[in-house]
PDB file of N, CA and C in Angstrom:
ATOM      1  N   MET A   1      42.791 -54.604  21.154  1.00  0.00           N
ATOM      2  CA  MET A   1      42.911 -54.089  19.790  1.00  0.00           C
ATOM      3  C   MET A   1      44.309 -54.318  19.266  1.00  0.00           C
ATOM      4  N   ASN A   2      44.387 -55.037  18.136  1.00  0.00           N
ATOM      5  CA  ASN A   2      45.754 -55.271  17.606  1.00  0.00           C
ATOM      6  C   ASN A   2      46.283 -54.034  16.861  1.00  0.00           C
ATOM      7  N   ASP A   3      47.542 -54.085  16.493  1.00  0.00           N
ATOM      8  CA  ASP A   3      48.165 -52.938  15.853  1.00  0.00           C
ATOM      9  C   ASP A   3      47.530 -52.574  14.476  1.00  0.00           C
ATOM     10  N   ASP A   4      47.141 -53.566  13.702  1.00  0.00           N
ATOM     11  CA  ASP A   4      46.524 -53.288  12.402  1.00  0.00           C
ATOM     12  C   ASP A   4      45.170 -52.565  12.586  1.00  0.00           C
ATOM     13  N   ALA A   5      44.392 -53.008  13.530  1.00  0.00           N
ATOM     14  CA  ALA A   5      43.088 -52.375  13.782  1.00  0.00           C
ATOM     15  C   ALA A   5      43.288 -50.996  14.330  1.00  0.00           C
ATOM     16  N   ARG A   6      44.268 -50.784  15.158  1.00  0.00           N
ATOM     17  CA  ARG A   6      44.580 -49.461  15.739  1.00  0.00           C
ATOM     18  C   ARG A   6      45.031 -48.543  14.646  1.00  0.00           C
ATOM     19  N   LEU A   7      45.927 -48.984  13.771  1.00  0.00           N
ATOM     20  CA  LEU A   7      46.388 -48.162  12.676  1.00  0.00           C
ATOM     21  C   LEU A   7      45.271 -47.791  11.722  1.00  0.00           C
ATOM     22  N   THR A   8      44.388 -48.713  11.419  1.00  0.00           N
ATOM     23  CA  THR A   8      43.252 -48.425  10.525  1.00  0.00           C
ATOM     24  C   THR A   8      42.349 -47.405  11.210  1.00  0.00           C
ATOM     25  N   ALA A   9      42.060 -47.535  12.476  1.00  0.00           N
ATOM     26  CA  ALA A   9      41.236 -46.557  13.193  1.00  0.00           C
ATOM     27  C   ALA A   9      41.894 -45.201  13.170  1.00  0.00           C
ATOM     28  N   LEU A  10      43.195 -45.115  13.374  1.00  0.00           N
ATOM     29  CA  LEU A  10      43.911 -43.816  13.311  1.00  0.00           C
ATOM     30  C   LEU A  10      43.849 -43.226  11.905  1.00  0.00           C
ATOM     31  N   GLU A  11      44.038 -44.032  10.925  1.00  0.00           N
ATOM     32  CA  GLU A  11      43.994 -43.539   9.509  1.00  0.00           C
ATOM     33  C   GLU A  11      42.576 -42.961   9.227  1.00  0.00           C
ATOM     34  N   ASN A  12      41.551 -43.652   9.653  1.00  0.00           N
ATOM     35  CA  ASN A  12      40.196 -43.228   9.447  1.00  0.00           C
ATOM     36  C   ASN A  12      39.945 -41.902  10.152  1.00  0.00           C
ATOM     37  N   LYS A  13      40.484 -41.772  11.331  1.00  0.00           N
ATOM     38  CA  LYS A  13      40.293 -40.556  12.139  1.00  0.00           C
ATOM     39  C   LYS A  13      41.049 -39.378  11.449  1.00  0.00           C
ATOM     40  N   VAL A  14      42.243 -39.632  10.917  1.00  0.00           N
ATOM     41  CA  VAL A  14      42.975 -38.579  10.183  1.00  0.00           C
ATOM     42  C   VAL A  14      42.200 -38.108   8.983  1.00  0.00           C
ATOM     43  N   GLN A  15      41.650 -39.048   8.229  1.00  0.00           N
ATOM     44  CA  GLN A  15      40.830 -38.733   7.016  1.00  0.00           C
ATOM     45  C   GLN A  15      39.626 -37.886   7.423  1.00  0.00           C
ATOM     46  N   GLU A  16      38.982 -38.260   8.551  1.00  0.00           N
ATOM     47  CA  GLU A  16      37.831 -37.481   9.032  1.00  0.00           C
ATOM     48  C   GLU A  16      38.233 -36.071   9.446  1.00  0.00           C
ATOM     49  N   LEU A  17      39.381 -35.942  10.123  1.00  0.00           N
ATOM     50  CA  LEU A  17      39.856 -34.620  10.522  1.00  0.00           C
ATOM     51  C   LEU A  17      40.222 -33.789   9.297  1.00  0.00           C
ATOM     52  N   GLU A  18      40.875 -34.391   8.331  1.00  0.00           N
ATOM     53  CA  GLU A  18      41.233 -33.674   7.097  1.00  0.00           C
ATOM     54  C   GLU A  18      39.965 -33.148   6.379  1.00  0.00           C
ATOM     55  N   ALA A  19      38.957 -33.950   6.337  1.00  0.00           N
ATOM     56  CA  ALA A  19      37.725 -33.513   5.722  1.00  0.00           C
ATOM     57  C   ALA A  19      37.125 -32.323   6.496  1.00  0.00           C
ATOM     58  N   MET A  20      37.152 -32.394   7.788  1.00  0.00           N
ATOM     59  CA  MET A  20      36.589 -31.299   8.613  1.00  0.00           C
ATOM     60  C   MET A  20      37.394 -30.006   8.448  1.00  0.00           C
ATOM     61  N   VAL A  21      38.703 -30.151   8.369  1.00  0.00           N
ATOM     62  CA  VAL A  21      39.610 -28.964   8.147  1.00  0.00           C
ATOM     63  C   VAL A  21      39.294 -28.339   6.817  1.00  0.00           C
ATOM     64  N   ALA A  22      39.164 -29.158   5.788  1.00  0.00           N
ATOM     65  CA  ALA A  22      38.885 -28.670   4.425  1.00  0.00           C
ATOM     66  C   ALA A  22      37.539 -27.951   4.389  1.00  0.00           C
ATOM     67  N   LEU A  23      36.546 -28.528   5.067  1.00  0.00           N
ATOM     68  CA  LEU A  23      35.230 -27.884   5.134  1.00  0.00           C
ATOM     69  C   LEU A  23      35.336 -26.542   5.865  1.00  0.00           C
ATOM     70  N   ALA A  24      36.036 -26.486   6.993  1.00  0.00           N
ATOM     71  CA  ALA A  24      36.199 -25.269   7.735  1.00  0.00           C
ATOM     72  C   ALA A  24      36.873 -24.198   6.900  1.00  0.00           C
ATOM     73  N   LEU A  25      37.905 -24.583   6.142  1.00  0.00           N
ATOM     74  CA  LEU A  25      38.586 -23.621   5.315  1.00  0.00           C
ATOM     75  C   LEU A  25      37.696 -23.079   4.186  1.00  0.00           C
ATOM     76  N   ARG A  26      36.842 -23.929   3.626  1.00  0.00           N
ATOM     77  CA  ARG A  26      35.913 -23.509   2.551  1.00  0.00           C
ATOM     78  C   ARG A  26      34.902 -22.539   3.153  1.00  0.00           C
ATOM     79  N   LEU A  27      34.433 -22.824   4.358  1.00  0.00           N
ATOM     80  CA  LEU A  27      33.459 -21.918   4.992  1.00  0.00           C
ATOM     81  C   LEU A  27      34.085 -20.548   5.296  1.00  0.00           C
ATOM     82  N   ILE A  28      35.298 -20.578   5.792  1.00  0.00           N
ATOM     83  CA  ILE A  28      36.022 -19.325   6.095  1.00  0.00           C
ATOM     84  C   ILE A  28      36.217 -18.513   4.774  1.00  0.00           C
ATOM     85  N   SER A  29      36.590 -19.195   3.705  1.00  0.00           N
ATOM     86  CA  SER A  29      36.824 -18.488   2.461  1.00  0.00           C
ATOM     87  C   SER A  29      35.532 -17.918   1.908  1.00  0.00           C
ATOM     88  N   LEU A  30      34.405 -18.515   2.187  1.00  0.00           N
ATOM     89  CA  LEU A  30      33.144 -17.952   1.712  1.00  0.00           C
ATOM     90  C   LEU A  30      32.762 -16.706   2.453  1.00  0.00           C
ATOM     91  N   GLU A  31      33.225 -16.583   3.713  1.00  0.00           N
ATOM     92  CA  GLU A  31      32.921 -15.401   4.524  1.00  0.00           C
ATOM     93  C   GLU A  31      33.630 -14.190   3.931  1.00  0.00           C
ATOM     94  N   LYS A  32      34.873 -14.326   3.513  1.00  0.00           N
ATOM     95  CA  LYS A  32      35.631 -13.224   2.956  1.00  0.00           C
ATOM     96  C   LYS A  32      36.492 -13.840   1.795  1.00  0.00           C
ATOM     97  N   PRO A  33      35.881 -14.121   0.674  1.00  0.00           N
ATOM     98  CA  PRO A  33      36.583 -14.814  -0.380  1.00  0.00           C
ATOM     99  C   PRO A  33      37.735 -14.026  -0.960  1.00  0.00           C
ATOM    100  N   VAL A  34      37.644 -12.702  -1.096  1.00  0.00           N
ATOM    101  CA  VAL A  34      38.700 -11.945  -1.676  1.00  0.00           C
ATOM    102  C   VAL A  34      39.915 -11.977  -0.732  1.00  0.00           C
ATOM    103  N   SER A  35      39.695 -11.789   0.579  1.00  0.00           N
ATOM    104  CA  SER A  35      40.802 -11.878   1.531  1.00  0.00           C
ATOM    105  C   SER A  35      41.442 -13.253   1.563  1.00  0.00           C
ATOM    106  N   ALA A  36      40.590 -14.299   1.482  1.00  0.00           N
ATOM    107  CA  ALA A  36      41.147 -15.639   1.509  1.00  0.00           C
ATOM    108  C   ALA A  36      41.998 -15.893   0.260  1.00  0.00           C
ATOM    109  N   LEU A  37      41.561 -15.401  -0.912  1.00  0.00           N
ATOM    110  CA  LEU A  37      42.327 -15.570  -2.135  1.00  0.00           C
ATOM    111  C   LEU A  37      43.657 -14.827  -2.014  1.00  0.00           C
ATOM    112  N   LEU A  38      43.630 -13.624  -1.518  1.00  0.00           N
ATOM    113  CA  LEU A  38      44.853 -12.862  -1.369  1.00  0.00           C
ATOM    114  C   LEU A  38      45.858 -13.604  -0.415  1.00  0.00           C
ATOM    115  N   GLN A  39      45.291 -14.084   0.643  1.00  0.00           N
ATOM    116  CA  GLN A  39      46.182 -14.793   1.601  1.00  0.00           C
ATOM    117  C   GLN A  39      46.731 -16.059   0.996  1.00  0.00           C
ATOM    118  N   ASN A  40      45.927 -16.810   0.232  1.00  0.00           N
ATOM    119  CA  ASN A  40      46.397 -17.970  -0.460  1.00  0.00           C
ATOM    120  C   ASN A  40      47.553 -17.696  -1.417  1.00  0.00           C
ATOM    121  N   TYR A  41      47.566 -16.496  -1.974  1.00  0.00           N
ATOM    122  CA  TYR A  41      48.664 -16.094  -2.903  1.00  0.00           C
ATOM    123  C   TYR A  41      49.758 -15.424  -2.166  1.00  0.00           C
ATOM    124  N   GLY A  42      49.739 -15.396  -0.864  1.00  0.00           N
ATOM    125  CA  GLY A  42      50.851 -14.880  -0.032  1.00  0.00           C
ATOM    126  C   GLY A  42      50.910 -13.400   0.139  1.00  0.00           C
ATOM    127  N   ALA A  43      49.732 -12.717   0.040  1.00  0.00           N
ATOM    128  CA  ALA A  43      49.719 -11.245   0.262  1.00  0.00           C
ATOM    129  C   ALA A  43      50.039 -10.896   1.664  1.00  0.00           C
ATOM    130  N   SER A  44      50.865  -9.903   1.860  1.00  0.00           N
ATOM    131  CA  SER A  44      51.073  -9.405   3.195  1.00  0.00           C
ATOM    132  C   SER A  44      49.845  -8.594   3.665  1.00  0.00           C
ATOM    133  N   GLN A  45      49.778  -8.271   4.892  1.00  0.00           N
ATOM    134  CA  GLN A  45      48.613  -7.537   5.404  1.00  0.00           C
ATOM    135  C   GLN A  45      48.513  -6.168   4.659  1.00  0.00           C
ATOM    136  N   ALA A  46      49.686  -5.538   4.475  1.00  0.00           N
ATOM    137  CA  ALA A  46      49.688  -4.229   3.731  1.00  0.00           C
ATOM    138  C   ALA A  46      49.201  -4.403   2.336  1.00  0.00           C
ATOM    139  N   GLU A  47      49.599  -5.453   1.627  1.00  0.00           N
ATOM    140  CA  GLU A  47      49.152  -5.695   0.284  1.00  0.00           C
ATOM    141  C   GLU A  47      47.690  -5.988   0.240  1.00  0.00           C
ATOM    142  N   GLU A  48      47.189  -6.765   1.216  1.00  0.00           N
ATOM    143  CA  GLU A  48      45.790  -7.053   1.264  1.00  0.00           C
ATOM    144  C   GLU A  48      44.930  -5.775   1.447  1.00  0.00           C
ATOM    145  N   LEU A  49      45.360  -4.961   2.375  1.00  0.00           N
ATOM    146  CA  LEU A  49      44.656  -3.661   2.591  1.00  0.00           C
ATOM    147  C   LEU A  49      44.732  -2.802   1.373  1.00  0.00           C
ATOM    148  N   ALA A  50      45.846  -2.808   0.656  1.00  0.00           N
ATOM    149  CA  ALA A  50      46.040  -1.971  -0.553  1.00  0.00           C
ATOM    150  C   ALA A  50      45.100  -2.483  -1.674  1.00  0.00           C
ATOM    151  N   VAL A  51      44.963  -3.754  -1.820  1.00  0.00           N
ATOM    152  CA  VAL A  51      44.085  -4.325  -2.852  1.00  0.00           C
ATOM    153  C   VAL A  51      42.631  -4.033  -2.528  1.00  0.00           C
ATOM    154  N   HIS A  52      42.242  -4.182  -1.238  1.00  0.00           N
ATOM    155  CA  HIS A  52      40.863  -3.811  -0.901  1.00  0.00           C
ATOM    156  C   HIS A  52      40.577  -2.374  -1.125  1.00  0.00           C
ATOM    157  N   ALA A  53      41.537  -1.489  -0.781  1.00  0.00           N
ATOM    158  CA  ALA A  53      41.323  -0.063  -1.063  1.00  0.00           C
ATOM    159  C   ALA A  53      41.184   0.201  -2.529  1.00  0.00           C
ATOM    160  N   MET A  54      41.979  -0.486  -3.363  1.00  0.00           N
ATOM    161  CA  MET A  54      41.871  -0.353  -4.763  1.00  0.00           C
ATOM    162  C   MET A  54      40.541  -0.846  -5.324  1.00  0.00           C
ATOM    163  N   LEU A  55      40.066  -1.987  -4.792  1.00  0.00           N
ATOM    164  CA  LEU A  55      38.779  -2.507  -5.267  1.00  0.00           C
ATOM    165  C   LEU A  55      37.657  -1.575  -4.855  1.00  0.00           C
ATOM    166  N   ASP A  56      37.744  -1.005  -3.675  1.00  0.00           N
ATOM    167  CA  ASP A  56      36.725   0.001  -3.264  1.00  0.00           C
ATOM    168  C   ASP A  56      36.742   1.181  -4.208  1.00  0.00           C
ATOM    169  N   ASP A  57      37.930   1.631  -4.572  1.00  0.00           N
ATOM    170  CA  ASP A  57      38.031   2.821  -5.465  1.00  0.00           C
ATOM    171  C   ASP A  57      37.516   2.422  -6.849  1.00  0.00           C
ATOM    172  N   VAL A  58      37.871   1.263  -7.377  1.00  0.00           N
ATOM    173  CA  VAL A  58      37.420   0.865  -8.725  1.00  0.00           C
ATOM    174  C   VAL A  58      35.897   0.705  -8.690  1.00  0.00           C
ATOM    175  N   ALA A  59      35.352   0.153  -7.622  1.00  0.00           N
ATOM    176  CA  ALA A  59      33.911   0.001  -7.523  1.00  0.00           C
ATOM    177  C   ALA A  59      33.209   1.327  -7.559  1.00  0.00           C
ATOM    178  N   HIS A  60      33.757   2.291  -6.801  1.00  0.00           N
ATOM    179  CA  HIS A  60      33.178   3.630  -6.804  1.00  0.00           C
ATOM    180  C   HIS A  60      33.238   4.284  -8.154  1.00  0.00           C
ATOM    181  N   ARG A  61      34.403   4.130  -8.867  1.00  0.00           N
ATOM    182  CA  ARG A  61      34.527   4.715 -10.180  1.00  0.00           C
ATOM    183  C   ARG A  61      33.587   4.046 -11.167  1.00  0.00           C
ATOM    184  N   ALA A  62      33.374   2.730 -11.063  1.00  0.00           N
ATOM    185  CA  ALA A  62      32.477   2.042 -11.936  1.00  0.00           C
ATOM    186  C   ALA A  62      31.064   2.588 -11.736  1.00  0.00           C
ATOM    187  N   GLU A  63      30.704   2.818 -10.505  1.00  0.00           N
ATOM    188  CA  GLU A  63      29.385   3.303 -10.139  1.00  0.00           C
ATOM    189  C   GLU A  63      29.196   4.741 -10.680  1.00  0.00           C
ATOM    190  N   GLN A  64      30.224   5.556 -10.665  1.00  0.00           N
ATOM    191  CA  GLN A  64      30.165   6.927 -11.179  1.00  0.00           C
ATOM    192  C   GLN A  64      30.026   6.944 -12.681  1.00  0.00           C
ATOM    193  N   GLY A  65      30.708   6.072 -13.343  1.00  0.00           N
ATOM    194  CA  GLY A  65      30.649   6.027 -14.802  1.00  0.00           C
ATOM    195  C   GLY A  65      31.280   7.210 -15.480  1.00  0.00           C
ATOM    196  N   GLY A  66      30.930   7.422 -16.706  1.00  0.00           N
ATOM    197  CA  GLY A  66      31.489   8.557 -17.486  1.00  0.00           C
ATOM    198  C   GLY A  66      32.983   8.450 -17.610  1.00  0.00           C
ATOM    199  N   ILE A  67      33.676   9.578 -17.441  1.00  0.00           N
ATOM    200  CA  ILE A  67      35.125   9.630 -17.577  1.00  0.00           C
ATOM    201  C   ILE A  67      35.810   8.889 -16.464  1.00  0.00           C
ATOM    202  N   TYR A  68      35.118   8.508 -15.401  1.00  0.00           N
ATOM    203  CA  TYR A  68      35.716   7.813 -14.262  1.00  0.00           C
ATOM    204  C   TYR A  68      35.677   6.270 -14.431  1.00  0.00           C
ATOM    205  N   THR A  69      34.983   5.799 -15.469  1.00  0.00           N
ATOM    206  CA  THR A  69      34.802   4.396 -15.664  1.00  0.00           C
ATOM    207  C   THR A  69      36.163   3.679 -15.765  1.00  0.00           C
ATOM    208  N   PRO A  70      36.388   2.661 -14.924  1.00  0.00           N
ATOM    209  CA  PRO A  70      37.668   1.940 -14.990  1.00  0.00           C
ATOM    210  C   PRO A  70      37.759   1.050 -16.152  1.00  0.00           C
ATOM    211  N   SER A  71      38.996   0.802 -16.587  1.00  0.00           N
ATOM    212  CA  SER A  71      39.252  -0.123 -17.692  1.00  0.00           C
ATOM    213  C   SER A  71      39.948  -1.377 -17.143  1.00  0.00           C
ATOM    214  N   PHE A  72      39.826  -2.419 -17.923  1.00  0.00           N
ATOM    215  CA  PHE A  72      40.459  -3.687 -17.483  1.00  0.00           C
ATOM    216  C   PHE A  72      41.965  -3.517 -17.402  1.00  0.00           C
ATOM    217  N   ALA A  73      42.567  -2.869 -18.403  1.00  0.00           N
ATOM    218  CA  ALA A  73      44.012  -2.655 -18.375  1.00  0.00           C
ATOM    219  C   ALA A  73      44.416  -1.836 -17.161  1.00  0.00           C
ATOM    220  N   GLY A  74      43.705  -0.801 -16.835  1.00  0.00           N
ATOM    221  CA  GLY A  74      43.948  -0.028 -15.696  1.00  0.00           C
ATOM    222  C   GLY A  74      43.848  -0.802 -14.395  1.00  0.00           C
ATOM    223  N   PHE A  75      42.811  -1.642 -14.369  1.00  0.00           N
ATOM    224  CA  PHE A  75      42.573  -2.501 -13.219  1.00  0.00           C
ATOM    225  C   PHE A  75      43.781  -3.426 -13.000  1.00  0.00           C
ATOM    226  N   GLU A  76      44.254  -4.084 -14.062  1.00  0.00           N
ATOM    227  CA  GLU A  76      45.394  -4.978 -13.979  1.00  0.00           C
ATOM    228  C   GLU A  76      46.620  -4.225 -13.529  1.00  0.00           C
ATOM    229  N   GLN A  77      46.841  -3.042 -14.056  1.00  0.00           N
ATOM    230  CA  GLN A  77      48.016  -2.269 -13.716  1.00  0.00           C
ATOM    231  C   GLN A  77      47.994  -1.864 -12.249  1.00  0.00           C
ATOM    232  N   GLU A  78      46.846  -1.378 -11.768  1.00  0.00           N
ATOM    233  CA  GLU A  78      46.720  -0.980 -10.382  1.00  0.00           C
ATOM    234  C   GLU A  78      46.892  -2.211  -9.442  1.00  0.00           C
ATOM    235  N   LEU A  79      46.339  -3.321  -9.860  1.00  0.00           N
ATOM    236  CA  LEU A  79      46.486  -4.542  -9.043  1.00  0.00           C
ATOM    237  C   LEU A  79      47.938  -4.939  -8.934  1.00  0.00           C
ATOM    238  N   GLY A  80      48.666  -4.904 -10.040  1.00  0.00           N
ATOM    239  CA  GLY A  80      50.102  -5.237 -10.061  1.00  0.00           C
ATOM    240  C   GLY A  80      50.955  -4.251  -9.195  1.00  0.00           C
ATOM    241  N   GLN A  81      50.532  -2.996  -9.146  1.00  0.00           N
ATOM    242  CA  GLN A  81      51.259  -2.048  -8.279  1.00  0.00           C
ATOM    243  C   GLN A  81      51.015  -2.344  -6.813  1.00  0.00           C
ATOM    244  N   ARG A  82      49.866  -2.781  -6.442  1.00  0.00           N
ATOM    245  CA  ARG A  82      49.558  -3.038  -5.025  1.00  0.00           C
ATOM    246  C   ARG A  82      49.945  -4.401  -4.580  1.00  0.00           C
ATOM    247  N   PHE A  83      49.994  -5.349  -5.501  1.00  0.00           N
ATOM    248  CA  PHE A  83      50.309  -6.778  -5.169  1.00  0.00           C
ATOM    249  C   PHE A  83      51.243  -7.286  -6.299  1.00  0.00           C
ATOM    250  N   PRO A  84      52.556  -6.945  -6.255  1.00  0.00           N
ATOM    251  CA  PRO A  84      53.448  -7.247  -7.355  1.00  0.00           C
ATOM    252  C   PRO A  84      53.596  -8.739  -7.638  1.00  0.00           C
ATOM    253  N   LYS A  85      53.380  -9.590  -6.684  1.00  0.00           N
ATOM    254  CA  LYS A  85      53.541 -11.064  -6.939  1.00  0.00           C
ATOM    255  C   LYS A  85      52.612 -11.560  -8.009  1.00  0.00           C
ATOM    256  N   VAL A  86      51.457 -10.888  -8.238  1.00  0.00           N
ATOM    257  CA  VAL A  86      50.479 -11.379  -9.191  1.00  0.00           C
ATOM    258  C   VAL A  86      50.490 -10.608 -10.492  1.00  0.00           C
ATOM    259  N   ARG A  87      51.480  -9.702 -10.660  1.00  0.00           N
ATOM    260  CA  ARG A  87      51.577  -8.926 -11.890  1.00  0.00           C
ATOM    261  C   ARG A  87      51.603  -9.864 -13.105  1.00  0.00           C
ATOM    262  N   GLY A  88      50.663  -9.668 -13.985  1.00  0.00           N
ATOM    263  CA  GLY A  88      50.623 -10.496 -15.237  1.00  0.00           C
ATOM    264  C   GLY A  88      50.027 -11.882 -15.021  1.00  0.00           C
ATOM    265  N   ASP A  89      49.513 -12.193 -13.849  1.00  0.00           N
ATOM    266  CA  ASP A  89      48.962 -13.535 -13.575  1.00  0.00           C
ATOM    267  C   ASP A  89      47.462 -13.503 -13.897  1.00  0.00           C
ATOM    268  N   ARG A  90      47.141 -13.943 -15.142  1.00  0.00           N
ATOM    269  CA  ARG A  90      45.719 -13.942 -15.594  1.00  0.00           C
ATOM    270  C   ARG A  90      44.829 -14.848 -14.752  1.00  0.00           C
ATOM    271  N   GLU A  91      45.397 -15.946 -14.323  1.00  0.00           N
ATOM    272  CA  GLU A  91      44.609 -16.847 -13.492  1.00  0.00           C
ATOM    273  C   GLU A  91      44.168 -16.196 -12.170  1.00  0.00           C
ATOM    274  N   PHE A  92      45.133 -15.478 -11.550  1.00  0.00           N
ATOM    275  CA  PHE A  92      44.758 -14.771 -10.331  1.00  0.00           C
ATOM    276  C   PHE A  92      43.701 -13.734 -10.558  1.00  0.00           C
ATOM    277  N   VAL A  93      43.848 -12.969 -11.631  1.00  0.00           N
ATOM    278  CA  VAL A  93      42.828 -11.926 -11.981  1.00  0.00           C
ATOM    279  C   VAL A  93      41.447 -12.552 -12.149  1.00  0.00           C
ATOM    280  N   SER A  94      41.428 -13.682 -12.860  1.00  0.00           N
ATOM    281  CA  SER A  94      40.156 -14.354 -13.062  1.00  0.00           C
ATOM    282  C   SER A  94      39.577 -14.852 -11.735  1.00  0.00           C
ATOM    283  N   LEU A  95      40.426 -15.424 -10.856  1.00  0.00           N
ATOM    284  CA  LEU A  95      39.943 -15.863  -9.562  1.00  0.00           C
ATOM    285  C   LEU A  95      39.470 -14.707  -8.707  1.00  0.00           C
ATOM    286  N   LEU A  96      40.121 -13.547  -8.774  1.00  0.00           N
ATOM    287  CA  LEU A  96      39.760 -12.369  -8.055  1.00  0.00           C
ATOM    288  C   LEU A  96      38.404 -11.875  -8.514  1.00  0.00           C
ATOM    289  N   LEU A  97      38.223 -11.802  -9.819  1.00  0.00           N
ATOM    290  CA  LEU A  97      36.902 -11.342 -10.349  1.00  0.00           C
ATOM    291  C   LEU A  97      35.792 -12.294  -9.909  1.00  0.00           C
ATOM    292  N   ASP A  98      36.088 -13.615  -9.909  1.00  0.00           N
ATOM    293  CA  ASP A  98      35.092 -14.594  -9.450  1.00  0.00           C
ATOM    294  C   ASP A  98      34.782 -14.423  -7.951  1.00  0.00           C
ATOM    295  N   ALA A  99      35.817 -14.175  -7.137  1.00  0.00           N
ATOM    296  CA  ALA A  99      35.657 -14.012  -5.717  1.00  0.00           C
ATOM    297  C   ALA A  99      34.786 -12.783  -5.401  1.00  0.00           C
ATOM    298  N   MET A 100      34.931 -11.783  -6.204  1.00  0.00           N
ATOM    299  CA  MET A 100      34.126 -10.578  -5.947  1.00  0.00           C
ATOM    300  C   MET A 100      32.622 -10.847  -6.075  1.00  0.00           C
ATOM    301  N   LYS A 101      32.287 -11.836  -6.856  1.00  0.00           N
ATOM    302  CA  LYS A 101      30.870 -12.154  -7.063  1.00  0.00           C
ATOM    303  C   LYS A 101      30.166 -12.557  -5.772  1.00  0.00           C
ATOM    304  N   ILE A 102      30.899 -13.104  -4.810  1.00  0.00           N
ATOM    305  CA  ILE A 102      30.298 -13.593  -3.563  1.00  0.00           C
ATOM    306  C   ILE A 102      30.808 -12.896  -2.337  1.00  0.00           C
ATOM    307  N   ASP A 103      31.496 -11.775  -2.551  1.00  0.00           N
ATOM    308  CA  ASP A 103      32.046 -11.026  -1.388  1.00  0.00           C
ATOM    309  C   ASP A 103      31.027  -9.935  -0.984  1.00  0.00           C
ATOM    310  N   ARG A 104      31.508  -8.841  -0.456  1.00  0.00           N
ATOM    311  CA  ARG A 104      30.611  -7.737   0.008  1.00  0.00           C
ATOM    312  C   ARG A 104      29.835  -7.153  -1.125  1.00  0.00           C
ATOM    313  N   PRO A 105      28.765  -6.460  -0.774  1.00  0.00           N
ATOM    314  CA  PRO A 105      27.872  -5.922  -1.814  1.00  0.00           C
ATOM    315  C   PRO A 105      28.546  -5.007  -2.863  1.00  0.00           C
ATOM    316  N   SER A 106      29.485  -4.125  -2.421  1.00  0.00           N
ATOM    317  CA  SER A 106      30.094  -3.247  -3.398  1.00  0.00           C
ATOM    318  C   SER A 106      30.955  -4.102  -4.393  1.00  0.00           C
ATOM    319  N   TYR A 107      31.530  -5.171  -3.934  1.00  0.00           N
ATOM    320  CA  TYR A 107      32.334  -6.033  -4.815  1.00  0.00           C
ATOM    321  C   TYR A 107      31.409  -6.804  -5.780  1.00  0.00           C
ATOM    322  N   ARG A 108      30.243  -7.193  -5.302  1.00  0.00           N
ATOM    323  CA  ARG A 108      29.281  -7.867  -6.175  1.00  0.00           C
ATOM    324  C   ARG A 108      28.830  -6.920  -7.309  1.00  0.00           C
ATOM    325  N   ALA A 109      28.621  -5.648  -6.940  1.00  0.00           N
ATOM    326  CA  ALA A 109      28.268  -4.639  -7.965  1.00  0.00           C
ATOM    327  C   ALA A 109      29.415  -4.445  -8.956  1.00  0.00           C
ATOM    328  N   LEU A 110      30.639  -4.451  -8.444  1.00  0.00           N
ATOM    329  CA  LEU A 110      31.810  -4.352  -9.318  1.00  0.00           C
ATOM    330  C   LEU A 110      31.923  -5.601 -10.186  1.00  0.00           C
ATOM    331  N   HIS A 111      31.630  -6.741  -9.647  1.00  0.00           N
ATOM    332  CA  HIS A 111      31.623  -7.979 -10.479  1.00  0.00           C
ATOM    333  C   HIS A 111      30.631  -7.846 -11.608  1.00  0.00           C
ATOM    334  N   ALA A 112      29.429  -7.389 -11.284  1.00  0.00           N
ATOM    335  CA  ALA A 112      28.406  -7.191 -12.319  1.00  0.00           C
ATOM    336  C   ALA A 112      28.886  -6.245 -13.417  1.00  0.00           C
ATOM    337  N   PHE A 113      29.563  -5.186 -12.997  1.00  0.00           N
ATOM    338  CA  PHE A 113      30.137  -4.229 -13.948  1.00  0.00           C
ATOM    339  C   PHE A 113      31.152  -4.944 -14.846  1.00  0.00           C
ATOM    340  N   THR A 114      32.019  -5.761 -14.260  1.00  0.00           N
ATOM    341  CA  THR A 114      33.077  -6.454 -15.075  1.00  0.00           C
ATOM    342  C   THR A 114      32.429  -7.400 -16.034  1.00  0.00           C
ATOM    343  N   VAL A 115      31.315  -7.994 -15.666  1.00  0.00           N
ATOM    344  CA  VAL A 115      30.621  -8.895 -16.626  1.00  0.00           C
ATOM    345  C   VAL A 115      30.008  -8.087 -17.781  1.00  0.00           C
ATOM    346  N   ARG A 116      29.377  -6.938 -17.443  1.00  0.00           N
ATOM    347  CA  ARG A 116      28.760  -6.104 -18.487  1.00  0.00           C
ATOM    348  C   ARG A 116      29.879  -5.601 -19.419  1.00  0.00           C
ATOM    349  N   GLU A 117      31.038  -5.249 -18.871  1.00  0.00           N
ATOM    350  CA  GLU A 117      32.081  -4.660 -19.683  1.00  0.00           C
ATOM    351  C   GLU A 117      33.016  -5.727 -20.337  1.00  0.00           C
ATOM    352  N   ARG A 118      32.714  -6.969 -20.021  1.00  0.00           N
ATOM    353  CA  ARG A 118      33.445  -8.144 -20.650  1.00  0.00           C
ATOM    354  C   ARG A 118      34.944  -8.070 -20.339  1.00  0.00           C
ATOM    355  N   TRP A 119      35.234  -8.048 -19.043  1.00  0.00           N
ATOM    356  CA  TRP A 119      36.635  -7.940 -18.597  1.00  0.00           C
ATOM    357  C   TRP A 119      37.360  -9.290 -18.630  1.00  0.00           C
ATOM    358  N   ARG A 120      36.953 -10.224 -19.450  1.00  0.00           N
ATOM    359  CA  ARG A 120      37.654 -11.498 -19.493  1.00  0.00           C
ATOM    360  C   ARG A 120      38.119 -11.819 -20.871  1.00  0.00           C
TER     361      ARG A 120
END
C-alpha cells in the first residue's frame, strides 16, 4: 500500500469515527437533553443541580396554578440566579424550553405550560 492510499484510508477512517462520535453525542443528549444543554454551556455540577431543582419547582408551581403560577420574567430571573453565565441569553432560554419538550415527564408538562402561556 503506497503512502497516498494509506493516507486516504486513514482520512476515511477518521471521518467514519467522527460521524460515530457525533451520533453517540446526539443519542446521549436525547437521554438527558436539559443536562446536555447545561453542560454544553459550561454549567458546573452545582449549577446543573440548581437549575434542575428550579425546573422541578417551576413545574410544580405551574401544576398548582392560581397565585403560584410562574411567570416568564420570574423564570428568567431564577434561571439567571442559578446559572449566571446565561443571564439575559434569550437563545439559551429558547433552547432550554425546547429541551424540556423531550426530557422527563414533569419537564414535558412544564413545556406544555410554557406553550399555553406563550413564553416566547
